Amino acid sequence: FPEMATLDCGSVNFGGDEVFLNTENTIKEFAAKMVALGVKP
């Protein structure tokens, strides 16, 4: 139950084969959890 937490709103190719993956469903899942817990993203 932190006051704030980060919410990444998309995927990024960091280089080589490294992909920071955030699908639309992942973003929705994280965002809905933060709303439910009262955590500001």
All heavy atoms as atom14 arrays in JSON, in Angstrom:
{
  "sequence": "FPEMATLDCGSVNFGGDEVFLNTENTIKEFAAKMVALGVKP",
  "atom14_mask": [
    [1, 1, 1, 1, 1, 1, 1, 1, 1, 1, 1, 0, 0, 0],
    [1, 1, 1, 1, 1, 1, 1, 0, 0, 0, 0, 0, 0, 0],
    [1, 1, 1, 1, 1, 1, 1, 1, 1, 0, 0, 0, 0, 0],
    [1, 1, 1, 1, 1, 1, 1, 1, 0, 0, 0, 0, 0, 0],
    [1, 1, 1, 1, 1, 0, 0, 0, 0, 0, 0, 0, 0, 0],
    [1, 1, 1, 1, 1, 1, 1, 0, 0, 0, 0, 0, 0, 0],
    [1, 1, 1, 1, 1, 1, 1, 1, 0, 0, 0, 0, 0, 0],
    [1, 1, 1, 1, 1, 1, 1, 1, 0, 0, 0, 0, 0, 0],
    [1, 1, 1, 1, 1, 1, 0, 0, 0, 0, 0, 0, 0, 0],
    [1, 1, 1, 1, 0, 0, 0, 0, 0, 0, 0, 0, 0, 0],
    [1, 1, 1, 1, 1, 1, 0, 0, 0, 0, 0, 0, 0, 0],
    [1, 1, 1, 1, 1, 1, 1, 0, 0, 0, 0, 0, 0, 0],
    [1, 1, 1, 1, 1, 1, 1, 1, 0, 0, 0, 0, 0, 0],
    [1, 1, 1, 1, 1, 1, 1, 1, 1, 1, 1, 0, 0, 0],
    [1, 1, 1, 1, 0, 0, 0, 0, 0, 0, 0, 0, 0, 0],
    [1, 1, 1, 1, 0, 0, 0, 0, 0, 0, 0, 0, 0, 0],
    [1, 1, 1, 1, 1, 1, 1, 1, 0, 0, 0, 0, 0, 0],
    [1, 1, 1, 1, 1, 1, 1, 1, 1, 0, 0, 0, 0, 0],
    [1, 1, 1, 1, 1, 1, 1, 0, 0, 0, 0, 0, 0, 0],
    [1, 1, 1, 1, 1, 1, 1, 1, 1, 1, 1, 0, 0, 0],
    [1, 1, 1, 1, 1, 1, 1, 1, 0, 0, 0, 0, 0, 0],
    [1, 1, 1, 1, 1, 1, 1, 1, 0, 0, 0, 0, 0, 0],
    [1, 1, 1, 1, 1, 1, 1, 0, 0, 0, 0, 0, 0, 0],
    [1, 1, 1, 1, 1, 1, 1, 1, 1, 0, 0, 0, 0, 0],
    [1, 1, 1, 1, 1, 1, 1, 1, 0, 0, 0, 0, 0, 0],
    [1, 1, 1, 1, 1, 1, 1, 0, 0, 0, 0, 0, 0, 0],
    [1, 1, 1, 1, 1, 1, 1, 1, 0, 0, 0, 0, 0, 0],
    [1, 1, 1, 1, 1, 1, 1, 1, 1, 0, 0, 0, 0, 0],
    [1, 1, 1, 1, 1, 1, 1, 1, 1, 0, 0, 0, 0, 0],
    [1, 1, 1, 1, 1, 1, 1, 1, 1, 1, 1, 0, 0, 0],
    [1, 1, 1, 1, 1, 0, 0, 0, 0, 0, 0, 0, 0, 0],
    [1, 1, 1, 1, 1, 0, 0, 0, 0, 0, 0, 0, 0, 0],
    [1, 1, 1, 1, 1, 1, 1, 1, 1, 0, 0, 0, 0, 0],
    [1, 1, 1, 1, 1, 1, 1, 1, 0, 0, 0, 0, 0, 0],
    [1, 1, 1, 1, 1, 1, 1, 0, 0, 0, 0, 0, 0, 0],
    [1, 1, 1, 1, 1, 0, 0, 0, 0, 0, 0, 0, 0, 0],
    [1, 1, 1, 1, 1, 1, 1, 1, 0, 0, 0, 0, 0, 0],
    [1, 1, 1, 1, 0, 0, 0, 0, 0, 0, 0, 0, 0, 0],
    [1, 1, 1, 1, 1, 1, 1, 0, 0, 0, 0, 0, 0, 0],
    [1, 1, 1, 1, 1, 1, 1, 1, 1, 0, 0, 0, 0, 0],
    [1, 1, 1, 1, 1, 1, 1, 0, 0, 0, 0, 0, 0, 0]
  ],
  "atom14_positions": [
    [[0.81, -1.23, 0.0], [0.0, 0.0, 0.0], [0.85, 1.28, 0.0], [0.68, 2.15, 0.85], [-0.96, 0.01, 1.2], [-1.92, -1.14, 1.23], [-1.65, -2.28, 1.97], [-3.1, -1.08, 0.49], [-2.54, -3.35, 1.98], [-4.0, -2.15, 0.51], [-3.72, -3.28, 1.25], [0.0, 0.0, 0.0], [0.0, 0.0, 0.0], [0.0, 0.0, 0.0]],
    [[1.75, 1.41, -0.95], [2.54, 2.65, -1.02], [1.67, 3.84, -1.43], [0.59, 3.66, -2.01], [3.58, 2.34, -2.1], [2.88, 1.36, -3.0], [2.05, 0.51, -2.08], [0.0, 0.0, 0.0], [0.0, 0.0, 0.0], [0.0, 0.0, 0.0], [0.0, 0.0, 0.0], [0.0, 0.0, 0.0], [0.0, 0.0, 0.0], [0.0, 0.0, 0.0]],
    [[2.14, 5.05, -1.14], [1.43, 6.25, -1.58], [1.4, 6.35, -3.1], [0.4, 6.77, -3.69], [2.11, 7.51, -1.03], [2.06, 7.65, 0.47], [2.83, 8.88, 0.91], [2.25, 9.98, 0.87], [4.01, 8.74, 1.3], [0.0, 0.0, 0.0], [0.0, 0.0, 0.0], [0.0, 0.0, 0.0], [0.0, 0.0, 0.0], [0.0, 0.0, 0.0]],
    [[2.52, 6.03, -3.71], [2.67, 6.11, -5.17], [3.39, 4.86, -5.66], [4.08, 4.19, -4.88], [3.53, 7.31, -5.57], [3.01, 8.66, -5.22], [4.13, 9.96, -5.88], [3.7, 9.91, -7.63], [0.0, 0.0, 0.0], [0.0, 0.0, 0.0], [0.0, 0.0, 0.0], [0.0, 0.0, 0.0], [0.0, 0.0, 0.0], [0.0, 0.0, 0.0]],
    [[3.24, 4.58, -6.93], [4.04, 3.55, -7.59], [4.07, 3.89, -9.08], [3.24, 4.67, -9.57], [3.45, 2.16, -7.38], [0.0, 0.0, 0.0], [0.0, 0.0, 0.0], [0.0, 0.0, 0.0], [0.0, 0.0, 0.0], [0.0, 0.0, 0.0], [0.0, 0.0, 0.0], [0.0, 0.0, 0.0], [0.0, 0.0, 0.0], [0.0, 0.0, 0.0]],
    [[5.02, 3.33, -9.79], [5.13, 3.63, -11.21], [4.19, 2.75, -12.03], [3.91, 1.6, -11.7], [6.57, 3.42, -11.71], [6.99, 2.08, -11.41], [7.51, 4.41, -11.06], [0.0, 0.0, 0.0], [0.0, 0.0, 0.0], [0.0, 0.0, 0.0], [0.0, 0.0, 0.0], [0.0, 0.0, 0.0], [0.0, 0.0, 0.0], [0.0, 0.0, 0.0]],
    [[3.69, 3.33, -13.12], [2.83, 2.62, -14.06], [3.38, 2.88, -15.46], [3.29, 3.99, -15.99], [1.39, 3.15, -13.97], [0.4, 2.6, -15.0], [0.21, 1.09, -14.83], [-0.93, 3.33, -14.92], [0.0, 0.0, 0.0], [0.0, 0.0, 0.0], [0.0, 0.0, 0.0], [0.0, 0.0, 0.0], [0.0, 0.0, 0.0], [0.0, 0.0, 0.0]],
    [[4.0, 1.85, -16.04], [4.59, 1.98, -17.38], [3.51, 1.8, -18.43], [2.79, 0.8, -18.42], [5.7, 0.95, -17.55], [6.86, 1.22, -16.62], [7.67, 2.11, -16.95], [6.95, 0.58, -15.57], [0.0, 0.0, 0.0], [0.0, 0.0, 0.0], [0.0, 0.0, 0.0], [0.0, 0.0, 0.0], [0.0, 0.0, 0.0], [0.0, 0.0, 0.0]],
    [[3.39, 2.77, -19.34], [2.27, 2.79, -20.28], [2.64, 2.41, -21.7], [2.05, 2.89, -22.66], [1.58, 4.16, -20.23], [0.35, 4.22, -18.89], [0.0, 0.0, 0.0], [0.0, 0.0, 0.0], [0.0, 0.0, 0.0], [0.0, 0.0, 0.0], [0.0, 0.0, 0.0], [0.0, 0.0, 0.0], [0.0, 0.0, 0.0], [0.0, 0.0, 0.0]],
    [[3.62, 1.51, -21.83], [3.96, 1.01, -23.15], [5.23, 0.19, -23.13], [5.95, 0.15, -22.12], [0.0, 0.0, 0.0], [0.0, 0.0, 0.0], [0.0, 0.0, 0.0], [0.0, 0.0, 0.0], [0.0, 0.0, 0.0], [0.0, 0.0, 0.0], [0.0, 0.0, 0.0], [0.0, 0.0, 0.0], [0.0, 0.0, 0.0], [0.0, 0.0, 0.0]],
    [[5.5, -0.47, -24.23], [6.69, -1.31, -24.37], [7.82, -0.52, -25.01], [7.59, 0.42, -25.77], [6.38, -2.54, -25.22], [5.34, -3.31, -24.63], [0.0, 0.0, 0.0], [0.0, 0.0, 0.0], [0.0, 0.0, 0.0], [0.0, 0.0, 0.0], [0.0, 0.0, 0.0], [0.0, 0.0, 0.0], [0.0, 0.0, 0.0], [0.0, 0.0, 0.0]],
    [[9.06, -0.93, -24.69], [10.24, -0.24, -25.21], [11.28, -1.27, -25.63], [11.54, -2.24, -24.91], [10.87, 0.69, -24.14], [11.99, 1.53, -24.77], [9.84, 1.57, -23.48], [0.0, 0.0, 0.0], [0.0, 0.0, 0.0], [0.0, 0.0, 0.0], [0.0, 0.0, 0.0], [0.0, 0.0, 0.0], [0.0, 0.0, 0.0], [0.0, 0.0, 0.0]],
    [[11.89, -1.05, -26.81], [13.04, -1.85, -27.24], [14.29, -1.23, -26.64], [14.79, -0.22, -27.14], [13.14, -1.87, -28.76], [12.01, -2.64, -29.41], [11.51, -3.61, -28.86], [11.6, -2.21, -30.59], [0.0, 0.0, 0.0], [0.0, 0.0, 0.0], [0.0, 0.0, 0.0], [0.0, 0.0, 0.0], [0.0, 0.0, 0.0], [0.0, 0.0, 0.0]],
    [[14.82, -1.83, -25.57], [15.98, -1.27, -24.89], [17.28, -1.51, -25.64], [18.3, -0.92, -25.34], [16.09, -1.83, -23.48], [15.17, -1.17, -22.48], [14.79, -1.85, -21.34], [14.72, 0.12, -22.65], [13.96, -1.25, -20.4], [13.89, 0.73, -21.72], [13.5, 0.03, -20.59], [0.0, 0.0, 0.0], [0.0, 0.0, 0.0], [0.0, 0.0, 0.0]],
    [[17.27, -2.4, -26.61], [18.5, -2.68, -27.37], [18.74, -4.17, -27.46], [18.4, -4.93, -26.53], [0.0, 0.0, 0.0], [0.0, 0.0, 0.0], [0.0, 0.0, 0.0], [0.0, 0.0, 0.0], [0.0, 0.0, 0.0], [0.0, 0.0, 0.0], [0.0, 0.0, 0.0], [0.0, 0.0, 0.0], [0.0, 0.0, 0.0], [0.0, 0.0, 0.0]],
    [[19.33, -4.61, -28.57], [19.57, -6.03, -28.76], [18.26, -6.79, -28.71], [17.31, -6.47, -29.41], [0.0, 0.0, 0.0], [0.0, 0.0, 0.0], [0.0, 0.0, 0.0], [0.0, 0.0, 0.0], [0.0, 0.0, 0.0], [0.0, 0.0, 0.0], [0.0, 0.0, 0.0], [0.0, 0.0, 0.0], [0.0, 0.0, 0.0], [0.0, 0.0, 0.0]],
    [[18.2, -7.8, -27.85], [16.97, -8.58, -27.68], [16.17, -8.16, -26.45], [15.18, -8.8, -26.1], [17.3, -10.08, -27.56], [17.86, -10.65, -28.85], [17.38, -10.24, -29.93], [18.78, -11.49, -28.79], [0.0, 0.0, 0.0], [0.0, 0.0, 0.0], [0.0, 0.0, 0.0], [0.0, 0.0, 0.0], [0.0, 0.0, 0.0], [0.0, 0.0, 0.0]],
    [[16.58, -7.07, -25.78], [15.89, -6.64, -24.56], [14.65, -5.82, -24.9], [14.75, -4.72, -25.47], [16.82, -5.8, -23.67], [17.72, -6.62, -22.78], [18.13, -5.86, -21.52], [17.87, -4.65, -21.42], [18.71, -6.5, -20.63], [0.0, 0.0, 0.0], [0.0, 0.0, 0.0], [0.0, 0.0, 0.0], [0.0, 0.0, 0.0], [0.0, 0.0, 0.0]],
    [[13.5, -6.34, -24.54], [12.23, -5.64, -24.73], [11.55, -5.51, -23.37], [11.29, -6.5, -22.69], [11.3, -6.39, -25.7], [9.98, -5.62, -25.86], [11.96, -6.58, -27.06], [0.0, 0.0, 0.0], [0.0, 0.0, 0.0], [0.0, 0.0, 0.0], [0.0, 0.0, 0.0], [0.0, 0.0, 0.0], [0.0, 0.0, 0.0], [0.0, 0.0, 0.0]],
    [[11.28, -4.26, -22.97], [10.52, -4.0, -21.76], [9.05, -4.04, -22.16], [8.54, -3.11, -22.76], [10.9, -2.65, -21.17], [10.18, -2.29, -19.89], [9.86, -3.26, -18.96], [9.82, -0.97, -19.65], [9.2, -2.93, -17.79], [9.17, -0.63, -18.48], [8.84, -1.61, -17.54], [0.0, 0.0, 0.0], [0.0, 0.0, 0.0], [0.0, 0.0, 0.0]],
    [[8.4, -5.16, -21.84], [7.09, -5.47, -22.39], [5.97, -5.01, -21.46], [5.9, -5.4, -20.29], [6.99, -6.98, -22.63], [5.75, -7.47, -23.39], [5.72, -6.88, -24.8], [5.75, -9.0, -23.44], [0.0, 0.0, 0.0], [0.0, 0.0, 0.0], [0.0, 0.0, 0.0], [0.0, 0.0, 0.0], [0.0, 0.0, 0.0], [0.0, 0.0, 0.0]],
    [[5.09, -4.18, -22.01], [3.88, -3.75, -21.3], [2.73, -3.73, -22.3], [2.52, -2.75, -23.01], [4.08, -2.36, -20.69], [5.1, -2.35, -19.58], [4.83, -2.78, -18.47], [6.3, -1.87, -19.89], [0.0, 0.0, 0.0], [0.0, 0.0, 0.0], [0.0, 0.0, 0.0], [0.0, 0.0, 0.0], [0.0, 0.0, 0.0], [0.0, 0.0, 0.0]],
    [[2.0, -4.85, -22.38], [0.87, -4.92, -23.28], [-0.27, -4.06, -22.74], [-0.26, -3.63, -21.58], [0.36, -6.36, -23.41], [-0.19, -6.78, -22.15], [1.49, -7.31, -23.82], [0.0, 0.0, 0.0], [0.0, 0.0, 0.0], [0.0, 0.0, 0.0], [0.0, 0.0, 0.0], [0.0, 0.0, 0.0], [0.0, 0.0, 0.0], [0.0, 0.0, 0.0]],
    [[-1.28, -3.83, -23.58], [-2.44, -3.07, -23.13], [-3.09, -3.74, -21.92], [-3.47, -3.07, -20.94], [-3.46, -2.91, -24.25], [-4.66, -2.08, -23.84], [-5.71, -1.96, -24.92], [-5.72, -2.82, -25.84], [-6.54, -1.04, -24.84], [0.0, 0.0, 0.0], [0.0, 0.0, 0.0], [0.0, 0.0, 0.0], [0.0, 0.0, 0.0], [0.0, 0.0, 0.0]],
    [[-3.19, -5.07, -21.95], [-3.82, -5.76, -20.82], [-2.97, -5.67, -19.56], [-3.52, -5.58, -18.45], [-4.08, -7.22, -21.18], [-5.26, -7.38, -22.13], [-6.1, -6.49, -22.23], [-5.32, -8.5, -22.83], [0.0, 0.0, 0.0], [0.0, 0.0, 0.0], [0.0, 0.0, 0.0], [0.0, 0.0, 0.0], [0.0, 0.0, 0.0], [0.0, 0.0, 0.0]],
    [[-1.65, -5.69, -19.72], [-0.77, -5.5, -18.55], [-0.99, -4.12, -17.94], [-1.13, -3.99, -16.72], [0.7, -5.65, -18.97], [0.96, -7.02, -19.28], [1.65, -5.22, -17.85], [0.0, 0.0, 0.0], [0.0, 0.0, 0.0], [0.0, 0.0, 0.0], [0.0, 0.0, 0.0], [0.0, 0.0, 0.0], [0.0, 0.0, 0.0], [0.0, 0.0, 0.0]],
    [[-1.02, -3.1, -18.77], [-1.21, -1.74, -18.26], [-2.56, -1.64, -17.54], [-2.65, -1.07, -16.44], [-1.13, -0.72, -19.41], [0.24, -0.79, -20.1], [-1.36, 0.7, -18.88], [0.28, -0.09, -21.45], [0.0, 0.0, 0.0], [0.0, 0.0, 0.0], [0.0, 0.0, 0.0], [0.0, 0.0, 0.0], [0.0, 0.0, 0.0], [0.0, 0.0, 0.0]],
    [[-3.6, -2.2, -18.12], [-4.92, -2.17, -17.49], [-4.9, -2.9, -16.15], [-5.5, -2.44, -15.17], [-5.96, -2.81, -18.41], [-6.34, -1.96, -19.62], [-7.36, -2.68, -20.47], [-7.86, -1.82, -21.62], [-8.84, -2.56, -22.48], [0.0, 0.0, 0.0], [0.0, 0.0, 0.0], [0.0, 0.0, 0.0], [0.0, 0.0, 0.0], [0.0, 0.0, 0.0]],
    [[-4.25, -4.05, -16.11], [-4.18, -4.84, -14.87], [-3.49, -4.05, -13.76], [-3.98, -3.97, -12.63], [-3.44, -6.15, -15.13], [-3.34, -7.05, -13.91], [-2.56, -8.32, -14.17], [-2.02, -8.49, -15.29], [-2.48, -9.16, -13.24], [0.0, 0.0, 0.0], [0.0, 0.0, 0.0], [0.0, 0.0, 0.0], [0.0, 0.0, 0.0], [0.0, 0.0, 0.0]],
    [[-2.34, -3.45, -14.09], [-1.6, -2.69, -13.09], [-2.4, -1.45, -12.66], [-2.47, -1.14, -11.47], [-0.25, -2.25, -13.65], [0.81, -3.33, -13.66], [0.53, -4.6, -14.13], [2.09, -3.07, -13.22], [1.51, -5.59, -14.15], [3.08, -4.04, -13.23], [2.79, -5.31, -13.7], [0.0, 0.0, 0.0], [0.0, 0.0, 0.0], [0.0, 0.0, 0.0]],
    [[-2.99, -0.75, -13.62], [-3.73, 0.46, -13.31], [-4.95, 0.17, -12.44], [-5.22, 0.89, -11.46], [-4.16, 1.16, -14.6], [0.0, 0.0, 0.0], [0.0, 0.0, 0.0], [0.0, 0.0, 0.0], [0.0, 0.0, 0.0], [0.0, 0.0, 0.0], [0.0, 0.0, 0.0], [0.0, 0.0, 0.0], [0.0, 0.0, 0.0], [0.0, 0.0, 0.0]],
    [[-5.67, -0.88, -12.77], [-6.86, -1.24, -11.98], [-6.47, -1.61, -10.55], [-7.17, -1.26, -9.59], [-7.6, -2.4, -12.65], [0.0, 0.0, 0.0], [0.0, 0.0, 0.0], [0.0, 0.0, 0.0], [0.0, 0.0, 0.0], [0.0, 0.0, 0.0], [0.0, 0.0, 0.0], [0.0, 0.0, 0.0], [0.0, 0.0, 0.0], [0.0, 0.0, 0.0]],
    [[-5.35, -2.3, -10.4], [-4.86, -2.66, -9.06], [-4.53, -1.41, -8.25], [-4.86, -1.32, -7.06], [-3.62, -3.55, -9.19], [-3.11, -4.12, -7.88], [-3.98, -5.25, -7.39], [-3.32, -6.02, -6.25], [-4.19, -7.1, -5.75], [0.0, 0.0, 0.0], [0.0, 0.0, 0.0], [0.0, 0.0, 0.0], [0.0, 0.0, 0.0], [0.0, 0.0, 0.0]],
    [[-3.9, -0.42, -8.88], [-3.55, 0.81, -8.18], [-4.8, 1.58, -7.76], [-4.87, 2.1, -6.64], [-2.64, 1.66, -9.07], [-1.25, 1.07, -9.25], [-0.18, 2.13, -10.26], [1.16, 0.98, -10.61], [0.0, 0.0, 0.0], [0.0, 0.0, 0.0], [0.0, 0.0, 0.0], [0.0, 0.0, 0.0], [0.0, 0.0, 0.0], [0.0, 0.0, 0.0]],
    [[-5.79, 1.65, -8.65], [-7.04, 2.32, -8.29], [-7.68, 1.62, -7.1], [-8.13, 2.26, -6.14], [-8.01, 2.36, -9.49], [-9.41, 2.81, -9.05], [-7.49, 3.29, -10.58], [0.0, 0.0, 0.0], [0.0, 0.0, 0.0], [0.0, 0.0, 0.0], [0.0, 0.0, 0.0], [0.0, 0.0, 0.0], [0.0, 0.0, 0.0], [0.0, 0.0, 0.0]],
    [[-7.73, 0.29, -7.13], [-8.37, -0.48, -6.05], [-7.67, -0.28, -4.71], [-8.33, -0.27, -3.66], [-8.39, -1.96, -6.43], [0.0, 0.0, 0.0], [0.0, 0.0, 0.0], [0.0, 0.0, 0.0], [0.0, 0.0, 0.0], [0.0, 0.0, 0.0], [0.0, 0.0, 0.0], [0.0, 0.0, 0.0], [0.0, 0.0, 0.0], [0.0, 0.0, 0.0]],
    [[-6.35, -0.11, -4.74], [-5.57, 0.01, -3.5], [-5.34, 1.46, -3.09], [-4.73, 1.72, -2.05], [-4.22, -0.69, -3.66], [-4.28, -2.22, -3.87], [-2.87, -2.76, -4.13], [-4.9, -2.91, -2.67], [0.0, 0.0, 0.0], [0.0, 0.0, 0.0], [0.0, 0.0, 0.0], [0.0, 0.0, 0.0], [0.0, 0.0, 0.0], [0.0, 0.0, 0.0]],
    [[-5.81, 2.41, -3.88], [-5.61, 3.81, -3.56], [-4.18, 4.28, -3.73], [-3.73, 5.2, -3.04], [0.0, 0.0, 0.0], [0.0, 0.0, 0.0], [0.0, 0.0, 0.0], [0.0, 0.0, 0.0], [0.0, 0.0, 0.0], [0.0, 0.0, 0.0], [0.0, 0.0, 0.0], [0.0, 0.0, 0.0], [0.0, 0.0, 0.0], [0.0, 0.0, 0.0]],
    [[-3.46, 3.67, -4.66], [-2.06, 4.03, -4.95], [-2.05, 4.99, -6.14], [-2.6, 4.66, -7.2], [-1.22, 2.78, -5.28], [0.21, 3.17, -5.63], [-1.26, 1.79, -4.12], [0.0, 0.0, 0.0], [0.0, 0.0, 0.0], [0.0, 0.0, 0.0], [0.0, 0.0, 0.0], [0.0, 0.0, 0.0], [0.0, 0.0, 0.0], [0.0, 0.0, 0.0]],
    [[-1.43, 6.15, -5.98], [-1.36, 7.1, -7.1], [-0.28, 6.66, -8.07], [0.87, 6.48, -7.69], [-1.06, 8.52, -6.62], [-1.1, 9.53, -7.78], [-0.94, 10.95, -7.31], [-0.98, 11.94, -8.47], [-2.33, 12.12, -9.03], [0.0, 0.0, 0.0], [0.0, 0.0, 0.0], [0.0, 0.0, 0.0], [0.0, 0.0, 0.0], [0.0, 0.0, 0.0]],
    [[-0.62, 6.47, -9.35], [0.41, 6.08, -10.31], [1.24, 7.27, -10.78], [0.72, 8.36, -11.01], [-0.41, 5.51, -11.47], [-1.72, 6.21, -11.4], [-1.97, 6.5, -9.95], [0.0, 0.0, 0.0], [0.0, 0.0, 0.0], [0.0, 0.0, 0.0], [0.0, 0.0, 0.0], [0.0, 0.0, 0.0], [0.0, 0.0, 0.0], [0.0, 0.0, 0.0]]
  ]
}
